[in-house]
C-alpha atoms as a PDB file:
ATOM      1  CA  MET A   1      56.130 -14.566 -26.910  1.00  0.00           C
ATOM      2  CA  PRO A   2      55.577 -15.929 -30.425  1.00  0.00           C
ATOM      3  CA  TRP A   3      53.239 -13.934 -32.654  1.00  0.00           C
ATOM      4  CA  GLU A   4      50.623 -15.995 -34.459  1.00  0.00           C
ATOM      5  CA  PHE A   5      50.068 -13.568 -37.326  1.00  0.00           C
ATOM      6  CA  ALA A   6      52.344 -11.924 -39.844  1.00  0.00           C
ATOM      7  CA  LEU A   7      53.701  -8.635 -38.579  1.00  0.00           C
ATOM      8  CA  PRO A   8      56.157  -6.433 -40.405  1.00  0.00           C
ATOM      9  CA  ASP A   9      59.716  -7.070 -39.191  1.00  0.00           C
ATOM     10  CA  THR A  10      59.881  -3.901 -37.110  1.00  0.00           C
ATOM     11  CA  LEU A  11      56.712  -4.788 -35.251  1.00  0.00           C
ATOM     12  CA  ALA A  12      57.752  -8.369 -34.606  1.00  0.00           C
ATOM     13  CA  SER A  13      61.131  -7.317 -33.224  1.00  0.00           C
ATOM     14  CA  ALA A  14      59.554  -4.656 -31.004  1.00  0.00           C
ATOM     15  CA  ALA A  15      57.017  -7.129 -29.704  1.00  0.00           C
ATOM     16  CA  THR A  16      59.707  -9.612 -28.710  1.00  0.00           C
ATOM     17  CA  HIS A  17      61.809  -6.903 -27.051  1.00  0.00           C
ATOM     18  CA  ALA A  18      58.987  -5.306 -25.101  1.00  0.00           C
ATOM     19  CA  ALA A  19      59.065  -6.363 -21.482  1.00  0.00           C
ATOM     20  CA  ALA A  20      55.309  -6.630 -21.103  1.00  0.00           C
ATOM     21  CA  PRO A  21      53.145  -6.079 -24.173  1.00  0.00           C
ATOM     22  CA  PRO A  22      49.945  -4.278 -23.192  1.00  0.00           C
ATOM     23  CA  MET A  23      47.825  -6.977 -24.864  1.00  0.00           C
ATOM     24  CA  ASP A  24      47.973 -10.548 -26.112  1.00  0.00           C
ATOM     25  CA  SER A  25      48.788 -11.352 -29.727  1.00  0.00           C
ATOM     26  CA  ASP A  26      45.183 -12.051 -30.756  1.00  0.00           C
ATOM     27  CA  ALA A  27      43.958  -8.756 -29.330  1.00  0.00           C
ATOM     28  CA  PHE A  28      46.767  -6.864 -31.017  1.00  0.00           C
ATOM     29  CA  ALA A  29      46.159  -8.627 -34.357  1.00  0.00           C
ATOM     30  CA  ALA A  30      42.505  -7.636 -34.240  1.00  0.00           C
ATOM     31  CA  PHE A  31      43.379  -4.076 -33.226  1.00  0.00           C
ATOM     32  CA  TYR A  32      45.950  -3.846 -36.028  1.00  0.00           C
ATOM     33  CA  GLU A  33      43.399  -5.069 -38.584  1.00  0.00           C
ATOM     34  CA  ARG A  34      40.810  -2.547 -37.424  1.00  0.00           C
ATOM     35  CA  SER A  35      43.137   0.432 -37.170  1.00  0.00           C
ATOM     36  CA  SER A  36      45.996   0.053 -39.679  1.00  0.00           C
ATOM     37  CA  ARG A  37      44.091   1.204 -42.775  1.00  0.00           C
ATOM     38  CA  LEU A  38      42.696   4.222 -40.945  1.00  0.00           C
ATOM     39  CA  LEU A  39      46.088   5.160 -39.557  1.00  0.00           C
ATOM     40  CA  TRP A  40      47.830   4.766 -42.916  1.00  0.00           C
ATOM     41  CA  ALA A  41      45.148   6.825 -44.691  1.00  0.00           C
ATOM     42  CA  TYR A  42      45.463   9.560 -42.069  1.00  0.00           C
ATOM     43  CA  LEU A  43      49.241   9.708 -42.372  1.00  0.00           C
ATOM     44  CA  ALA A  44      49.210   9.490 -46.178  1.00  0.00           C
ATOM     45  CA  ARG A  45      46.695  12.287 -46.625  1.00  0.00           C
ATOM     46  CA  VAL A  46      48.264  14.593 -44.070  1.00  0.00           C
ATOM     47  CA  SER A  47      51.845  14.034 -45.245  1.00  0.00           C
ATOM     48  CA  ASN A  48      51.066  13.575 -48.973  1.00  0.00           C
ATOM     49  CA  ASP A  49      53.607  10.737 -49.036  1.00  0.00           C
ATOM     50  CA  GLY A  50      52.547   7.081 -49.042  1.00  0.00           C
ATOM     51  CA  ALA A  51      56.025   5.743 -48.301  1.00  0.00           C
ATOM     52  CA  LEU A  52      56.448   8.091 -45.354  1.00  0.00           C
ATOM     53  CA  ALA A  53      52.980   7.097 -44.141  1.00  0.00           C
ATOM     54  CA  GLU A  54      53.985   3.430 -44.202  1.00  0.00           C
ATOM     55  CA  ASP A  55      57.173   4.127 -42.245  1.00  0.00           C
ATOM     56  CA  LEU A  56      55.432   6.289 -39.667  1.00  0.00           C
ATOM     57  CA  MET A  57      52.593   3.801 -39.316  1.00  0.00           C
ATOM     58  CA  GLN A  58      54.977   0.966 -38.523  1.00  0.00           C
ATOM     59  CA  GLU A  59      56.941   3.121 -36.088  1.00  0.00           C
ATOM     60  CA  SER A  60      53.649   4.129 -34.422  1.00  0.00           C
ATOM     61  CA  TYR A  61      52.739   0.496 -33.794  1.00  0.00           C
ATOM     62  CA  VAL A  62      56.217  -0.255 -32.490  1.00  0.00           C
ATOM     63  CA  ARG A  63      55.967   2.600 -30.009  1.00  0.00           C
ATOM     64  CA  PHE A  64      52.421   1.585 -29.108  1.00  0.00           C
ATOM     65  CA  LEU A  65      53.590  -1.946 -28.325  1.00  0.00           C
ATOM     66  CA  CYS A  66      56.571  -0.726 -26.314  1.00  0.00           C
ATOM     67  CA  ALA A  67      54.672   1.901 -24.335  1.00  0.00           C
ATOM     68  CA  GLU A  68      54.431   1.146 -20.646  1.00  0.00           C
ATOM     69  CA  HIS A  69      51.181   3.033 -20.164  1.00  0.00           C
ATOM     70  CA  ALA A  70      49.318   2.252 -23.398  1.00  0.00           C
ATOM     71  CA  PRO A  71      45.560   1.870 -22.954  1.00  0.00           C
ATOM     72  CA  SER A  72      44.271  -1.687 -22.866  1.00  0.00           C
ATOM     73  CA  LEU A  73      42.128  -3.066 -25.640  1.00  0.00           C
ATOM     74  CA  ALA A  74      39.256  -4.037 -23.395  1.00  0.00           C
ATOM     75  CA  ALA A  75      35.820  -3.389 -24.865  1.00  0.00           C
ATOM     76  CA  ASP A  76      35.756   0.160 -23.506  1.00  0.00           C
ATOM     77  CA  GLY A  77      39.460   0.778 -24.195  1.00  0.00           C
ATOM     78  CA  GLU A  78      39.386   0.438 -27.991  1.00  0.00           C
ATOM     79  CA  VAL A  79      38.655   4.133 -28.525  1.00  0.00           C
ATOM     80  CA  ALA A  80      41.327   5.183 -26.037  1.00  0.00           C
ATOM     81  CA  ALA A  81      43.855   2.837 -27.650  1.00  0.00           C
ATOM     82  CA  ARG A  82      43.110   4.211 -31.121  1.00  0.00           C
ATOM     83  CA  LEU A  83      43.416   7.806 -29.882  1.00  0.00           C
ATOM     84  CA  TYR A  84      46.717   6.922 -28.218  1.00  0.00           C
ATOM     85  CA  LEU A  85      47.959   5.353 -31.466  1.00  0.00           C
ATOM     86  CA  PHE A  86      46.941   8.416 -33.488  1.00  0.00           C
ATOM     87  CA  ARG A  87      48.676  10.629 -30.927  1.00  0.00           C
ATOM     88  CA  ILE A  88      51.894   8.660 -31.399  1.00  0.00           C
ATOM     89  CA  ALA A  89      51.571   8.934 -35.187  1.00  0.00           C
ATOM     90  CA  THR A  90      50.876  12.658 -35.017  1.00  0.00           C
ATOM     91  CA  ASN A  91      53.951  13.225 -32.875  1.00  0.00           C
ATOM     92  CA  LEU A  92      56.098  11.187 -35.272  1.00  0.00           C
ATOM     93  CA  LEU A  93      54.758  13.214 -38.184  1.00  0.00           C
ATOM     94  CA  ARG A  94      55.559  16.467 -36.378  1.00  0.00           C
ATOM     95  CA  ASP A  95      59.058  15.218 -35.647  1.00  0.00           C
ATOM     96  CA  HIS A  96      59.492  14.408 -39.324  1.00  0.00           C
ATOM     97  CA  TRP A  97      58.386  17.906 -40.357  1.00  0.00           C
ATOM     98  CA  ARG A  98      60.790  19.493 -37.885  1.00  0.00           C
ATOM     99  CA  ARG A  99      63.784  17.635 -39.279  1.00  0.00           C
ATOM    100  CA  PRO A 100      65.675  19.334 -42.082  1.00  0.00           C
ATOM    101  CA  ARG A 101      65.082  17.530 -45.377  1.00  0.00           C
ATOM    102  CA  ALA A 102      67.319  17.187 -48.391  1.00  0.00           C
ATOM    103  CA  ALA A 103      64.432  17.471 -50.828  1.00  0.00           C
ATOM    104  CA  SER A 104      60.831  18.555 -50.411  1.00  0.00           C
ATOM    105  CA  ILE A 105      57.854  16.823 -51.913  1.00  0.00           C
ATOM    106  CA  ASP A 106      56.273  19.103 -54.486  1.00  0.00           C
ATOM    107  CA  GLU A 107      53.750  16.657 -55.860  1.00  0.00           C
ATOM    108  CA  ILE A 108      50.818  14.865 -54.394  1.00  0.00           C
ATOM    109  CA  SER A 109      51.621  11.211 -54.045  1.00  0.00           C
ATOM    110  CA  GLU A 110      50.156   8.701 -56.489  1.00  0.00           C
ATOM    111  CA  GLU A 111      48.219   6.994 -53.698  1.00  0.00           C
ATOM    112  CA  PHE A 112      46.005  10.063 -53.428  1.00  0.00           C
ATOM    113  CA  PHE A 113      44.670   9.492 -56.946  1.00  0.00           C
ATOM    114  CA  SER A 114      44.901   5.701 -57.109  1.00  0.00           C
ATOM    115  CA  ALA A 115      41.796   4.780 -55.091  1.00  0.00           C
ATOM    116  CA  ALA A 116      38.889   3.521 -57.159  1.00  0.00           C
ATOM    117  CA  GLY A 117      35.950   5.841 -57.523  1.00  0.00           C
ATOM    118  CA  GLY A 118      33.533   7.429 -59.923  1.00  0.00           C
ATOM    119  CA  ALA A 119      34.050  10.426 -62.164  1.00  0.00           C
ATOM    120  CA  ALA A 120      32.669  12.791 -59.524  1.00  0.00           C
ATOM    121  CA  GLN A 121      35.095  11.431 -56.950  1.00  0.00           C
ATOM    122  CA  ALA A 122      38.013  11.796 -59.374  1.00  0.00           C
ATOM    123  CA  GLU A 123      37.001  15.387 -60.113  1.00  0.00           C
ATOM    124  CA  SER A 124      36.735  16.278 -56.432  1.00  0.00           C
ATOM    125  CA  ARG A 125      40.127  14.680 -55.762  1.00  0.00           C
ATOM    126  CA  ALA A 126      41.655  16.651 -58.615  1.00  0.00           C
ATOM    127  CA  LEU A 127      40.453  19.844 -56.935  1.00  0.00           C
ATOM    128  CA  LEU A 128      41.032  18.749 -53.352  1.00  0.00           C
ATOM    129  CA  GLY A 129      44.603  17.496 -53.832  1.00  0.00           C
ATOM    130  CA  PRO A 130      46.159  20.776 -54.932  1.00  0.00           C
ATOM    131  CA  ALA A 131      44.141  22.676 -52.316  1.00  0.00           C
ATOM    132  CA  LEU A 132      45.383  20.396 -49.540  1.00  0.00           C
ATOM    133  CA  GLN A 133      48.934  20.724 -50.842  1.00  0.00           C
ATOM    134  CA  GLN A 134      48.750  24.497 -50.324  1.00  0.00           C
ATOM    135  CA  MET A 135      47.543  24.186 -46.740  1.00  0.00           C
ATOM    136  CA  LYS A 136      49.702  24.066 -43.656  1.00  0.00           C
ATOM    137  CA  PRO A 137      50.353  20.569 -42.275  1.00  0.00           C
ATOM    138  CA  ARG A 138      48.401  21.332 -39.103  1.00  0.00           C
ATOM    139  CA  GLU A 139      45.376  22.423 -41.151  1.00  0.00           C
ATOM    140  CA  ARG A 140      45.484  19.180 -43.178  1.00  0.00           C
ATOM    141  CA  LEU A 141      45.849  17.208 -39.970  1.00  0.00           C
ATOM    142  CA  LEU A 142      42.846  18.869 -38.320  1.00  0.00           C
ATOM    143  CA  LEU A 143      40.633  18.510 -41.384  1.00  0.00           C
ATOM    144  CA  TRP A 144      41.515  14.857 -41.750  1.00  0.00           C
ATOM    145  CA  LEU A 145      40.853  14.006 -38.125  1.00  0.00           C
ATOM    146  CA  ALA A 146      37.545  15.883 -38.113  1.00  0.00           C
ATOM    147  CA  HIS A 147      36.112  14.832 -41.453  1.00  0.00           C
ATOM    148  CA  ALA A 148      37.770  11.584 -42.524  1.00  0.00           C
ATOM    149  CA  GLU A 149      38.106  10.043 -39.070  1.00  0.00           C
ATOM    150  CA  GLY A 150      35.035  11.723 -37.607  1.00  0.00           C
ATOM    151  CA  TYR A 151      36.759  12.612 -34.343  1.00  0.00           C
ATOM    152  CA  SER A 152      35.145  15.054 -31.937  1.00  0.00           C
ATOM    153  CA  HIS A 153      36.905  18.251 -30.895  1.00  0.00           C
ATOM    154  CA  ARG A 154      37.905  16.624 -27.608  1.00  0.00           C
ATOM    155  CA  GLU A 155      39.360  13.592 -29.403  1.00  0.00           C
ATOM    156  CA  ILE A 156      41.247  15.814 -31.852  1.00  0.00           C
ATOM    157  CA  ALA A 157      42.702  17.691 -28.890  1.00  0.00           C
ATOM    158  CA  GLU A 158      43.878  14.386 -27.383  1.00  0.00           C
ATOM    159  CA  VAL A 159      45.508  13.296 -30.651  1.00  0.00           C
ATOM    160  CA  THR A 160      47.182  16.601 -31.469  1.00  0.00           C
ATOM    161  CA  GLY A 161      48.036  17.834 -27.995  1.00  0.00           C
ATOM    162  CA  LEU A 162      46.328  21.154 -28.721  1.00  0.00           C
ATOM    163  CA  ALA A 163      43.936  22.758 -26.272  1.00  0.00           C
ATOM    164  CA  ALA A 164      40.399  21.441 -26.699  1.00  0.00           C
ATOM    165  CA  THR A 165      39.056  24.992 -26.635  1.00  0.00           C
ATOM    166  CA  SER A 166      41.139  25.992 -29.652  1.00  0.00           C
ATOM    167  CA  ILE A 167      40.157  23.080 -31.910  1.00  0.00           C
ATOM    168  CA  ARG A 168      36.852  24.638 -32.958  1.00  0.00           C
ATOM    169  CA  LEU A 169      38.495  27.891 -34.051  1.00  0.00           C
ATOM    170  CA  LEU A 170      41.383  26.132 -35.798  1.00  0.00           C
ATOM    171  CA  LEU A 171      38.957  23.872 -37.681  1.00  0.00           C
ATOM    172  CA  PHE A 172      36.848  26.861 -38.672  1.00  0.00           C
ATOM    173  CA  ARG A 173      39.906  28.598 -40.101  1.00  0.00           C
ATOM    174  CA  ALA A 174      41.080  25.435 -41.894  1.00  0.00           C
ATOM    175  CA  ARG A 175      37.623  24.915 -43.441  1.00  0.00           C
ATOM    176  CA  ARG A 176      37.469  28.534 -44.536  1.00  0.00           C
ATOM    177  CA  ARG A 177      40.944  28.296 -46.078  1.00  0.00           C
ATOM    178  CA  ILE A 178      40.245  25.094 -48.005  1.00  0.00           C
ATOM    179  CA  ALA A 179      36.946  26.530 -49.274  1.00  0.00           C
ATOM    180  CA  LYS A 180      38.821  29.583 -50.552  1.00  0.00           C
ATOM    181  CA  LEU A 181      41.450  27.389 -52.213  1.00  0.00           C
ATOM    182  CA  LEU A 182      38.797  25.168 -53.791  1.00  0.00           C
ATOM    183  CA  ARG A 183      36.923  28.181 -55.175  1.00  0.00           C
ATOM    184  CA  ALA A 184      40.167  29.510 -56.652  1.00  0.00           C
ATOM    185  CA  GLY A 185      40.883  26.086 -58.183  1.00  0.00           C
ATOM    186  CA  GLU A 186      37.455  25.910 -59.826  1.00  0.00           C
ATOM    187  CA  GLU A 187      37.899  29.346 -61.387  1.00  0.00           C
ATOM    188  CA  GLN A 188      41.105  28.411 -63.202  1.00  0.00           C
ATOM    189  CA  PRO A 189      40.498  27.373 -66.832  1.00  0.00           C
ATOM    190  CA  CYS A 190      41.273  23.795 -67.820  1.00  0.00           C
END
């Protein structure tokens, strides 16, 4: 099946090797356009590594295309398909964290500070970045899904594989921790 839009090499090869893609090329192109920025931003902010986010994003789409039971992109299936894609990405990110690494990332990636914005946004990023860096990966993940993506507790549970009843408590603890870290960051002299 020839693809009519430019896909990264890994996606194009996966699409040609998949026995039965869950959608046609136009539907996938539209879905990719609507979801790729959100997925990359999620992965970049949670992992603090833009290059890793790019790799995991592409792998997520490959696995989404190759999945036998991926949700369809029908009008009512868009939300389910996006949740399924985020679930794949979250699992890939967890797998990455479980693997032993040669070197750890001690800095916040440049992409975190490179987005255009006003002085107030730059100041909040300067405080938020170090605070997020000190948090556990799961806390960053939960905060991002809840506040940046606007997912409900039920949707976060679907993406992360955690129990829906525990999401509220985990989010409460993550919010309390980041507030404490932000207060400590504001108190330090410049």
